[in-house]
Protein backbone atom coordinates (compact mmCIF):
# COMPACT_ATOMS: atom_id res chain seq x y z
CA UNK A 1 0.00 0.00 0.00
CA UNK A 2 1.27 3.43 -0.94
CA UNK A 3 1.33 6.14 1.68
CA UNK A 4 0.68 9.77 0.82
CA UNK A 5 3.50 12.04 1.82
CA UNK A 6 3.54 15.83 1.89
CA UNK A 7 3.72 16.99 -1.71
CA UNK A 8 2.11 13.88 -3.17
CA UNK A 9 -1.37 12.98 -4.39
CA UNK A 10 -3.03 9.93 -5.87
CA UNK A 11 -3.06 10.20 -9.66
CA UNK A 12 -5.72 9.07 -12.12
CA UNK A 13 -4.25 5.57 -12.35
CA UNK A 14 -3.97 5.14 -8.56
CA UNK A 15 -0.23 5.81 -8.41
CA UNK A 16 1.39 8.45 -6.21
CA UNK A 17 2.21 11.67 -8.00
CA UNK A 18 4.76 14.22 -6.86
CA UNK A 19 6.59 17.08 -8.49
CA UNK A 20 9.28 14.69 -9.74
CA UNK A 21 7.00 12.37 -11.69
CA UNK A 22 4.54 14.83 -13.21
CA UNK A 23 4.65 15.30 -16.98
CA UNK A 24 7.85 17.05 -18.00
CA UNK A 25 7.79 20.81 -18.53
CA UNK A 26 7.50 21.44 -22.24
CA UNK A 27 5.33 18.38 -22.84
CA UNK A 28 3.71 18.71 -26.26
CA UNK A 29 1.71 15.48 -26.61
CA UNK A 30 -1.17 15.68 -24.14
CA UNK A 31 -2.90 12.35 -23.67
CA UNK A 32 -5.84 12.16 -21.27
CA UNK A 33 -3.78 10.56 -18.47
CA UNK A 34 -1.19 13.37 -18.49
CA UNK A 35 -3.90 16.03 -18.42
CA UNK A 36 -5.54 14.25 -15.48
CA UNK A 37 -2.19 14.12 -13.67
CA UNK A 38 -1.79 17.89 -13.99
CA UNK A 39 -5.35 18.47 -12.76
CA UNK A 40 -4.73 16.11 -9.80
CA UNK A 41 -1.48 17.94 -8.97
CA UNK A 42 -3.26 21.31 -8.88
CA UNK A 43 -6.23 20.00 -6.91
CA UNK A 44 -3.89 18.23 -4.49
CA UNK A 45 -1.72 21.30 -3.92
CA UNK A 46 1.46 20.11 -5.62
CA UNK A 47 1.22 23.00 -8.10
CA UNK A 48 -0.87 26.16 -8.13
CA UNK A 49 -2.94 26.84 -11.23
CA UNK A 50 -0.49 29.59 -12.15
CA UNK A 51 2.50 27.27 -11.75
CA UNK A 52 0.83 24.58 -13.84
CA UNK A 53 -0.04 27.04 -16.59
CA UNK A 54 3.50 28.44 -16.64
CA UNK A 55 5.17 25.00 -16.45
CA UNK A 56 3.08 23.59 -19.31
CA UNK A 57 2.46 26.76 -21.38
CA UNK A 58 -1.30 26.52 -20.82
CA UNK A 59 -3.83 29.30 -20.73
CA UNK A 60 -6.06 29.45 -17.67
CA UNK A 61 -9.00 28.65 -19.95
CA UNK A 62 -7.29 25.52 -21.28
CA UNK A 63 -6.51 24.25 -17.77
CA UNK A 64 -10.06 24.96 -16.63
CA UNK A 65 -11.42 23.08 -19.67
CA UNK A 66 -9.28 20.06 -18.64
CA UNK A 67 -10.58 20.27 -15.09
CA UNK A 68 -14.19 20.60 -16.24
CA UNK A 69 -13.85 17.76 -18.75
CA UNK A 70 -12.34 15.49 -16.10
CA UNK A 71 -15.04 16.24 -13.54
CA UNK A 72 -17.91 15.90 -16.02
CA UNK A 73 -16.77 12.88 -18.05
CA UNK A 74 -13.72 11.32 -16.35
CA UNK A 75 -10.69 10.47 -18.48
CA UNK A 76 -12.77 10.28 -21.70
CA UNK A 77 -13.60 13.96 -21.16
CA UNK A 78 -9.91 14.78 -21.64
CA UNK A 79 -9.51 13.18 -25.03
CA UNK A 80 -8.77 15.55 -27.88
CA UNK A 81 -12.03 14.45 -29.48
CA UNK A 82 -14.80 13.81 -26.99
CA UNK A 83 -16.67 10.68 -27.94
CA UNK A 84 -20.41 11.44 -27.85
CA UNK A 85 -22.33 9.63 -25.15
CA UNK A 86 -25.06 7.47 -26.64
CA UNK A 87 -28.25 6.86 -24.71
């Protein structure tokens, strides 16, 4: 069992995240898991929104869209093309 330590949070895949294992600054290919890791880091206090936006060259609107997509639809909400939900 993993134990949370100061400066760590549980990531989208259940693994511990900390500043050292977040996506690298300058990341260009944003898959859903990496976006979710950045959102988890901000929500868990590892990074502020401003730090995340600066580190990853994101606009505030882009980060907030990631956060909203994750909360509304889970990881599928972070895909570049949202798959429509069929009823």
